[in-house]
N, C-alpha and C. Protein backbone atom coordinates (compact mmCIF):
# COMPACT_ATOMS: atom_id res chain seq x y z
N UNK A 1 -8.10 21.44 18.08
CA UNK A 1 -9.13 21.75 17.00
C UNK A 1 -7.87 21.94 15.75
N UNK A 2 -6.64 22.61 16.28
CA UNK A 2 -6.00 23.35 15.51
C UNK A 2 -4.95 22.50 14.57
N UNK A 3 -4.86 21.31 15.20
CA UNK A 3 -4.18 20.33 14.52
C UNK A 3 -4.65 18.95 13.89
N UNK A 4 -6.22 19.15 13.64
CA UNK A 4 -6.96 18.13 13.10
C UNK A 4 -6.78 18.16 11.45
N UNK A 5 -6.63 17.17 10.78
CA UNK A 5 -6.64 17.01 9.48
C UNK A 5 -7.41 18.18 8.58
N UNK A 6 -6.59 18.12 7.35
CA UNK A 6 -7.52 18.96 6.62
C UNK A 6 -8.93 18.53 6.12
N UNK A 7 -10.14 19.45 5.51
CA UNK A 7 -11.13 18.87 5.85
C UNK A 7 -12.16 18.87 6.90
N UNK A 8 -11.56 19.13 8.32
CA UNK A 8 -12.04 19.47 9.35
C UNK A 8 -12.55 20.59 9.94
N UNK A 9 -11.88 21.62 9.10
CA UNK A 9 -12.21 23.16 9.43
C UNK A 9 -12.28 23.99 8.33
N UNK A 10 -13.65 24.99 8.33
CA UNK A 10 -13.68 26.18 7.60
C UNK A 10 -12.44 27.00 7.64
N UNK A 11 -12.63 27.90 6.75
CA UNK A 11 -11.32 28.47 6.26
C UNK A 11 -10.98 29.32 7.26
N UNK A 12 -12.40 29.61 8.43
CA UNK A 12 -12.00 30.53 8.87
C UNK A 12 -11.02 29.91 10.50
N UNK A 13 -10.43 28.83 10.09
CA UNK A 13 -9.95 27.94 10.88
C UNK A 13 -11.12 27.43 12.13
N UNK A 14 -12.37 27.61 12.33
CA UNK A 14 -13.33 27.12 13.01
C UNK A 14 -13.77 25.35 12.74
N UNK A 15 -13.73 24.76 13.54
CA UNK A 15 -13.83 22.92 12.72
C UNK A 15 -15.51 22.90 12.73
N UNK A 16 -15.70 22.27 11.64
CA UNK A 16 -17.14 21.71 11.44
C UNK A 16 -17.48 20.57 12.30
N UNK A 17 -18.92 20.92 12.83
CA UNK A 17 -19.34 19.63 13.82
C UNK A 17 -18.88 18.64 12.88
N UNK A 18 -18.81 17.53 13.82
CA UNK A 18 -18.71 16.36 13.53
C UNK A 18 -19.94 15.34 12.72
N UNK A 19 -20.96 15.91 13.02
CA UNK A 19 -22.23 15.14 12.13
C UNK A 19 -22.39 16.13 10.71
N UNK A 20 -21.45 16.63 10.31
CA UNK A 20 -21.82 17.80 9.27
C UNK A 20 -20.47 18.09 8.61
N UNK A 21 -19.52 16.89 8.42
CA UNK A 21 -18.08 17.16 7.63
C UNK A 21 -18.09 17.06 6.23
N UNK A 22 -17.42 17.98 5.49
CA UNK A 22 -17.91 17.51 4.07
C UNK A 22 -16.55 16.33 3.95
N UNK A 23 -17.19 15.65 2.56
CA UNK A 23 -16.50 14.64 2.28
C UNK A 23 -15.16 14.74 1.46
N UNK A 24 -14.19 15.05 2.20
CA UNK A 24 -12.62 15.39 1.44
C UNK A 24 -12.14 14.81 0.64
N UNK A 25 -12.27 12.74 0.73
CA UNK A 25 -12.28 12.25 -0.13
C UNK A 25 -10.19 12.13 0.02
N UNK A 26 -9.87 11.90 -1.12
CA UNK A 26 -8.15 11.71 -1.56
C UNK A 26 -7.91 13.30 -1.73
N UNK A 27 -7.57 14.12 -0.67
CA UNK A 27 -7.56 15.33 -1.03
C UNK A 27 -5.91 15.70 -1.78
N UNK A 28 -5.21 14.99 -1.22
CA UNK A 28 -3.64 14.83 -1.68
C UNK A 28 -3.63 14.48 -3.39
N UNK A 29 -4.36 13.71 -3.75
CA UNK A 29 -4.39 13.13 -5.02
C UNK A 29 -5.46 13.36 -5.84
N UNK A 30 -6.12 15.07 -5.54
CA UNK A 30 -7.20 15.75 -6.24
C UNK A 30 -6.93 15.83 -7.41
N UNK A 31 -7.94 16.02 -8.33
CA UNK A 31 -7.75 16.56 -10.17
C UNK A 31 -7.18 17.60 -10.08
N UNK A 32 -7.50 18.67 -8.74
CA UNK A 32 -6.47 19.97 -8.83
C UNK A 32 -5.28 19.97 -8.14
N UNK A 33 -4.31 19.12 -8.32
CA UNK A 33 -3.27 19.37 -7.11
C UNK A 33 -2.33 20.21 -7.09
N UNK A 34 -2.17 21.20 -8.04
CA UNK A 34 -1.52 22.52 -8.09
C UNK A 34 -2.39 23.79 -7.81
N UNK A 35 -3.38 23.54 -7.17
CA UNK A 35 -4.33 24.30 -6.76
C UNK A 35 -4.48 24.81 -5.24
N UNK A 36 -3.52 24.99 -4.62
CA UNK A 36 -3.48 24.97 -3.17
C UNK A 36 -4.18 26.31 -2.57
N UNK A 37 -4.83 26.94 -3.27
CA UNK A 37 -5.21 28.23 -2.74
C UNK A 37 -6.69 28.01 -2.73
N UNK A 38 -7.29 27.22 -3.83
CA UNK A 38 -8.64 26.82 -4.00
C UNK A 38 -9.33 26.15 -2.78
N UNK A 39 -10.18 26.36 -2.01
CA UNK A 39 -10.92 25.51 -1.30
C UNK A 39 -11.86 24.15 -2.02
N UNK A 40 -11.80 23.17 -1.66
CA UNK A 40 -12.80 22.09 -2.42
C UNK A 40 -13.92 22.25 -1.87
N UNK A 41 -14.40 22.78 -1.27
CA UNK A 41 -15.86 22.91 -0.87
C UNK A 41 -16.26 24.63 -0.56
N UNK A 42 -17.34 25.15 -0.33
CA UNK A 42 -17.34 26.46 -0.19
C UNK A 42 -17.16 26.55 1.24
N UNK A 43 -16.75 27.52 1.65
CA UNK A 43 -16.49 27.91 3.12
C UNK A 43 -15.48 26.93 3.59
N UNK A 44 -15.05 25.79 2.70
CA UNK A 44 -14.22 24.75 3.30
C UNK A 44 -12.44 25.46 3.19
N UNK A 45 -11.68 24.78 3.84
CA UNK A 45 -10.31 24.93 4.11
C UNK A 45 -9.50 24.57 2.75
N UNK A 46 -8.62 25.41 2.39
CA UNK A 46 -7.95 25.40 0.82
C UNK A 46 -6.19 24.85 1.81
N UNK A 47 -5.60 23.86 1.12
CA UNK A 47 -4.63 23.76 1.54
C UNK A 47 -3.45 24.85 1.99
N UNK A 48 -3.79 26.27 1.52
CA UNK A 48 -2.93 27.01 2.00
C UNK A 48 -3.75 27.53 3.48
N UNK A 49 -4.60 27.33 3.33
CA UNK A 49 -5.86 27.61 4.78
C UNK A 49 -5.22 26.63 5.94
N UNK A 50 -4.82 25.57 5.61
CA UNK A 50 -4.48 24.65 6.45
C UNK A 50 -2.92 24.51 6.87
N UNK A 51 -2.03 25.03 5.77
CA UNK A 51 -0.51 25.52 5.75
C UNK A 51 -0.52 26.49 6.97
N UNK A 52 -1.29 27.68 6.97
CA UNK A 52 -1.49 28.70 7.63
C UNK A 52 -1.80 27.94 9.23
N UNK A 53 -2.59 27.24 9.38
CA UNK A 53 -3.45 26.81 10.73
C UNK A 53 -1.86 25.95 11.28
N UNK A 54 -1.62 24.72 10.87
CA UNK A 54 -0.53 24.09 10.93
C UNK A 54 0.69 25.06 11.48
N UNK A 55 1.22 25.98 10.70
CA UNK A 55 2.15 26.99 10.67
C UNK A 55 2.05 27.85 12.20
N UNK A 56 1.19 28.28 12.24
CA UNK A 56 0.48 29.45 13.72
C UNK A 56 0.51 28.48 14.76
N UNK A 57 -0.35 27.21 14.64
CA UNK A 57 0.13 26.13 15.51
C UNK A 57 1.56 25.79 16.17
N UNK A 58 2.76 25.70 15.28
CA UNK A 58 3.94 25.44 15.69
C UNK A 58 4.79 26.60 15.98
N UNK A 59 4.35 27.70 15.47
CA UNK A 59 5.59 29.21 16.10
C UNK A 59 4.44 29.44 17.58
N UNK A 60 3.24 29.28 17.66
CA UNK A 60 2.78 29.52 19.63
C UNK A 60 3.43 28.68 20.52
N UNK A 61 3.46 27.09 19.49
CA UNK A 61 4.16 25.97 20.33
C UNK A 61 5.75 25.72 21.20
N UNK A 62 6.46 27.23 20.07
CA UNK A 62 7.80 27.00 20.36
C UNK A 62 7.76 28.46 20.96
N UNK A 63 7.02 29.05 20.98
CA UNK A 63 6.80 30.14 21.59
C UNK A 63 6.53 30.14 23.16
N UNK A 64 5.40 29.08 23.50
CA UNK A 64 5.34 28.49 24.81
C UNK A 64 6.30 27.73 25.22
N UNK A 65 6.69 26.83 24.55
CA UNK A 65 7.49 25.64 25.14
C UNK A 65 8.99 25.71 24.73
N UNK A 66 9.71 26.79 24.26
CA UNK A 66 11.19 26.97 24.06
C UNK A 66 11.54 26.42 25.12
N UNK A 67 12.87 25.20 24.64
CA UNK A 67 13.75 24.77 25.62
C UNK A 67 12.94 23.55 25.99
N UNK A 68 11.89 23.13 25.53
CA UNK A 68 11.46 22.16 26.20
C UNK A 68 11.06 21.11 25.20
N UNK A 69 10.70 19.77 25.53
CA UNK A 69 10.46 18.35 25.00
C UNK A 69 8.69 18.35 24.88
N UNK A 70 8.31 18.47 23.72
CA UNK A 70 6.83 18.72 23.45
C UNK A 70 6.31 17.47 22.77
N UNK A 71 5.67 16.87 22.84
CA UNK A 71 4.89 15.11 22.00
C UNK A 71 3.80 16.02 21.72
N UNK A 72 3.44 15.77 19.80
CA UNK A 72 2.26 16.50 19.11
C UNK A 72 2.02 14.91 18.79
N UNK A 73 0.51 14.55 18.95
CA UNK A 73 -0.13 13.40 18.02
C UNK A 73 -1.04 13.92 17.02
N UNK A 74 -0.81 13.41 15.85
CA UNK A 74 -1.61 14.10 14.92
C UNK A 74 -1.38 13.04 13.76
N UNK A 75 -2.57 13.31 12.47
CA UNK A 75 -2.20 12.55 11.40
C UNK A 75 -1.32 13.19 10.54
N UNK A 76 -1.22 11.84 9.18
CA UNK A 76 0.04 12.32 8.59
C UNK A 76 -0.02 13.72 7.91
N UNK A 77 -0.78 14.33 7.18
CA UNK A 77 -1.35 15.37 6.51
C UNK A 77 -0.46 16.74 7.20
N UNK A 78 -0.77 16.77 8.85
CA UNK A 78 -0.05 17.46 9.69
C UNK A 78 1.13 17.32 9.84
N UNK A 79 1.76 16.49 9.61
CA UNK A 79 3.19 16.14 9.79
C UNK A 79 3.79 16.70 8.09
N UNK A 80 3.22 16.38 7.16
CA UNK A 80 3.69 16.23 5.97
C UNK A 80 3.62 18.13 5.94
N UNK A 81 2.89 18.91 6.41
CA UNK A 81 2.65 20.53 6.43
C UNK A 81 3.53 20.79 7.38
N UNK A 82 4.07 20.24 8.69
CA UNK A 82 4.99 20.38 9.69
C UNK A 82 6.34 20.65 8.72
N UNK A 83 7.02 19.81 7.67
CA UNK A 83 7.80 19.80 7.22
C UNK A 83 8.11 20.78 6.11
N UNK A 84 6.48 21.56 5.45
CA UNK A 84 6.71 22.44 4.66
C UNK A 84 6.83 23.68 5.30
N UNK A 85 6.41 23.87 6.46
CA UNK A 85 6.51 25.20 7.73
C UNK A 85 7.97 25.15 7.82
N UNK A 86 8.46 24.04 8.50
CA UNK A 86 9.54 23.98 9.03
C UNK A 86 10.82 24.34 8.10
N UNK A 87 10.87 23.66 6.80
CA UNK A 87 11.65 23.88 6.15
C UNK A 87 11.45 24.83 4.77
N UNK A 88 10.56 25.72 4.97
CA UNK A 88 10.45 26.52 4.43
C UNK A 88 9.88 26.09 2.67
N UNK A 89 9.03 25.35 2.51
CA UNK A 89 8.88 24.76 1.32
C UNK A 89 7.64 25.61 0.41
N UNK A 90 7.68 26.05 -0.54
CA UNK A 90 6.38 26.81 -0.98
C UNK A 90 5.50 26.33 -1.42
N UNK A 91 4.36 26.86 -1.72
CA UNK A 91 2.85 26.11 -2.29
C UNK A 91 2.72 24.91 -3.04
N UNK A 92 3.98 25.07 -3.90
CA UNK A 92 3.86 23.89 -5.20
C UNK A 92 4.80 23.14 -5.20
N UNK A 93 4.76 21.94 -4.04
CA UNK A 93 5.80 21.21 -3.94
C UNK A 93 6.03 20.22 -4.84
N UNK A 94 7.12 19.73 -5.00
CA UNK A 94 7.36 18.57 -6.12
C UNK A 94 7.44 17.12 -5.49
N UNK A 95 7.62 17.10 -4.01
CA UNK A 95 7.66 15.96 -3.59
C UNK A 95 6.82 15.81 -2.56
N UNK A 96 6.37 14.34 -1.87
CA UNK A 96 5.61 14.45 -0.75
C UNK A 96 6.59 13.60 0.70
N UNK A 97 5.98 13.84 1.54
CA UNK A 97 6.72 13.25 2.96
C UNK A 97 5.50 12.01 3.45
N UNK A 98 5.59 10.65 2.75
CA UNK A 98 4.89 9.32 3.33
C UNK A 98 5.13 9.29 4.57
N UNK A 99 3.89 9.53 5.53
CA UNK A 99 4.10 8.83 6.70
C UNK A 99 3.03 7.65 7.06
N UNK A 100 3.59 6.68 7.76
CA UNK A 100 2.92 5.93 8.15
C UNK A 100 2.22 6.04 9.43
N UNK A 101 1.10 5.23 9.21
CA UNK A 101 0.20 5.23 10.93
C UNK A 101 1.29 4.58 11.85
N UNK A 102 1.26 5.52 12.75
CA UNK A 102 1.68 5.67 14.37
C UNK A 102 3.26 5.87 13.88
N UNK A 103 3.91 6.16 12.94
CA UNK A 103 5.22 6.30 12.67
C UNK A 103 5.72 7.95 13.82
N UNK A 104 6.49 7.56 14.05
CA UNK A 104 7.17 8.54 15.29
C UNK A 104 7.92 9.55 14.14
N UNK A 105 7.98 11.01 14.46
CA UNK A 105 9.05 11.55 13.85
C UNK A 105 9.48 12.99 15.10
N UNK A 106 10.91 13.39 14.57
CA UNK A 106 11.53 13.85 15.77
C UNK A 106 12.15 14.90 14.65
N UNK A 107 11.53 16.16 15.46
CA UNK A 107 12.31 17.66 14.73
C UNK A 107 12.90 18.10 16.25
N UNK A 108 13.69 18.43 15.98
CA UNK A 108 14.57 19.83 17.21
C UNK A 108 14.83 21.02 16.55
N UNK A 109 14.33 21.95 17.54
CA UNK A 109 14.64 23.44 17.40
C UNK A 109 16.20 23.50 17.89
N UNK A 110 17.11 24.31 17.28
CA UNK A 110 18.62 24.24 17.19
C UNK A 110 18.38 25.45 17.35
N UNK A 111 19.33 26.31 18.72
CA UNK A 111 19.25 27.65 18.87
C UNK A 111 20.25 27.97 18.11
N UNK A 112 20.21 29.13 17.32
CA UNK A 112 21.59 30.01 16.75
C UNK A 112 21.26 31.23 17.28
N UNK A 113 22.32 31.90 17.77
CA UNK A 113 22.17 33.52 18.16
C UNK A 113 21.52 34.28 17.14
N UNK A 114 21.52 34.15 15.60
CA UNK A 114 20.37 35.24 15.00
C UNK A 114 19.62 34.51 14.36
N UNK A 115 19.40 33.02 14.18
CA UNK A 115 17.98 32.30 13.46
C UNK A 115 17.75 31.38 14.00
N UNK A 116 16.76 31.16 13.45
CA UNK A 116 15.88 29.57 13.79
C UNK A 116 16.71 28.60 13.36
N UNK A 117 16.70 27.41 13.46
CA UNK A 117 17.31 26.55 12.71
C UNK A 117 16.66 25.23 13.43
N UNK A 118 16.31 24.28 12.53
CA UNK A 118 15.01 23.45 12.68
C UNK A 118 15.99 21.73 12.27
N UNK A 119 16.08 20.54 12.91
CA UNK A 119 16.96 19.64 12.52
C UNK A 119 15.74 18.44 12.72
N UNK A 120 15.84 17.71 11.49
CA UNK A 120 15.08 16.51 11.51
C UNK A 120 16.37 15.20 12.02
N UNK A 121 15.53 14.61 13.37
CA UNK A 121 16.60 13.38 13.41
C UNK A 121 16.26 11.97 13.00
N UNK A 122 14.56 11.85 12.84
CA UNK A 122 14.12 11.01 11.99
C UNK A 122 12.53 11.18 11.80
N UNK A 123 11.91 9.99 11.00
CA UNK A 123 10.67 10.16 10.31
C UNK A 123 10.25 8.68 10.08
N UNK A 124 9.17 8.60 10.61
CA UNK A 124 8.37 7.08 10.31
C UNK A 124 9.28 6.08 11.10
N UNK A 125 9.62 6.10 12.63
CA UNK A 125 10.25 5.32 13.37
C UNK A 125 8.86 4.46 13.45
N UNK A 126 9.04 3.21 13.62
CA UNK A 126 8.39 2.26 13.69
C UNK A 126 8.95 1.07 15.09
N UNK A 127 9.65 1.14 15.63
CA UNK A 127 9.92 0.57 16.23
C UNK A 127 9.17 -0.35 17.56
N UNK A 128 8.32 0.96 17.85
CA UNK A 128 7.52 0.57 19.18
C UNK A 128 6.37 -0.44 18.49
N UNK A 129 6.17 -1.11 17.30
CA UNK A 129 5.27 -1.99 16.87
C UNK A 129 6.09 -3.26 16.75
N UNK A 130 7.44 -3.49 16.75
CA UNK A 130 8.11 -4.70 17.19
C UNK A 130 7.53 -5.68 17.65
N UNK A 131 7.29 -5.04 19.15
CA UNK A 131 6.89 -6.10 20.05
C UNK A 131 5.48 -6.90 19.58
N UNK A 132 4.81 -6.14 19.01
CA UNK A 132 3.39 -6.31 18.67
C UNK A 132 3.55 -7.39 17.50
N UNK A 133 4.26 -6.88 16.55
CA UNK A 133 4.25 -7.94 15.52
C UNK A 133 4.85 -9.14 16.07
N UNK A 134 6.29 -9.33 16.50
CA UNK A 134 6.49 -10.82 17.39
C UNK A 134 5.33 -11.15 18.11
N UNK A 135 4.77 -10.68 19.11
CA UNK A 135 3.69 -11.09 19.77
C UNK A 135 2.96 -11.99 18.74
N UNK A 136 2.40 -11.36 17.85
CA UNK A 136 1.45 -11.81 16.61
C UNK A 136 1.93 -12.91 15.88
N UNK A 137 2.97 -13.14 15.53
CA UNK A 137 3.46 -14.45 15.23
C UNK A 137 3.94 -15.38 15.79
N UNK A 138 4.12 -15.12 17.32
CA UNK A 138 4.05 -16.38 18.39
C UNK A 138 2.37 -16.98 18.31
N UNK A 139 1.58 -15.99 18.36
CA UNK A 139 0.13 -16.63 18.35
C UNK A 139 -0.50 -16.88 17.43
N UNK A 140 0.14 -16.77 16.28
CA UNK A 140 -0.49 -17.30 14.82
C UNK A 140 -1.25 -16.21 14.48
N UNK A 141 -1.18 -14.91 14.92
CA UNK A 141 -2.41 -14.13 14.61
C UNK A 141 -1.66 -13.03 13.35
N UNK A 142 -2.64 -12.68 12.60
CA UNK A 142 -2.50 -11.51 11.55
C UNK A 142 -3.03 -10.33 11.85
N UNK A 143 -2.72 -9.39 12.14
CA UNK A 143 -3.35 -8.13 12.42
C UNK A 143 -4.73 -8.30 13.20
N UNK A 144 -4.27 -8.94 14.48
CA UNK A 144 -4.95 -9.10 15.69
C UNK A 144 -6.46 -9.86 15.32
N UNK A 145 -6.10 -10.91 14.05
CA UNK A 145 -6.87 -11.98 14.09
C UNK A 145 -5.88 -12.99 14.01
N UNK A 146 -6.97 -14.24 14.45
CA UNK A 146 -6.55 -15.71 14.24
C UNK A 146 -5.99 -15.95 12.75
N UNK A 147 -5.01 -16.13 13.04
CA UNK A 147 -4.49 -16.71 11.28
C UNK A 147 -4.39 -17.95 11.12
N UNK A 148 -5.41 -18.70 10.00
CA UNK A 148 -5.40 -20.28 9.97
C UNK A 148 -4.01 -20.49 9.02
N UNK A 149 -3.28 -21.43 9.32
CA UNK A 149 -2.46 -22.08 8.04
C UNK A 149 -3.35 -22.72 6.90
N UNK A 150 -3.03 -22.74 5.76
CA UNK A 150 -3.62 -23.49 4.87
C UNK A 150 -3.62 -25.10 5.14
N UNK A 151 -4.47 -25.96 5.06
CA UNK A 151 -4.59 -27.37 4.73
C UNK A 151 -3.43 -27.85 3.98
N UNK A 152 -2.22 -28.64 4.57
CA UNK A 152 -1.28 -29.38 3.64
C UNK A 152 -2.01 -30.91 3.43
N UNK A 153 -1.54 -31.32 1.89
CA UNK A 153 -1.88 -32.79 1.57
C UNK A 153 -0.89 -33.58 1.54
């Protein structure tokens, strides 16, 4: 529940019941993109609440799994806020990190004597989909559906 996308949790970080989720729509493209502290819904989570939730998760993950390899599966908004937390980006960003569906991102915690340092190795890696794309082309399918070639005259 701690790495759910924004709009799935209340301001106190407890999840909304699935049958009562508020409709956030395109939160990132809202009419108030520079208002990260104002929740869109009463009792809802603001962007800053979301950042605190993700940052806390990351800090606790490091404490519990230092020097281990950890895989986290999550939505793109969580990855975007991971960048914000690890790279210490303020609340009013001027750029966004575009994350594709099933893209793989790899961060590494590099230990230094007096500080913590994060390294980004890659973002949006898609090699794991190449074999699927090749197989679809061989079978004449597009997006998993049979693709018919237009008739020629």
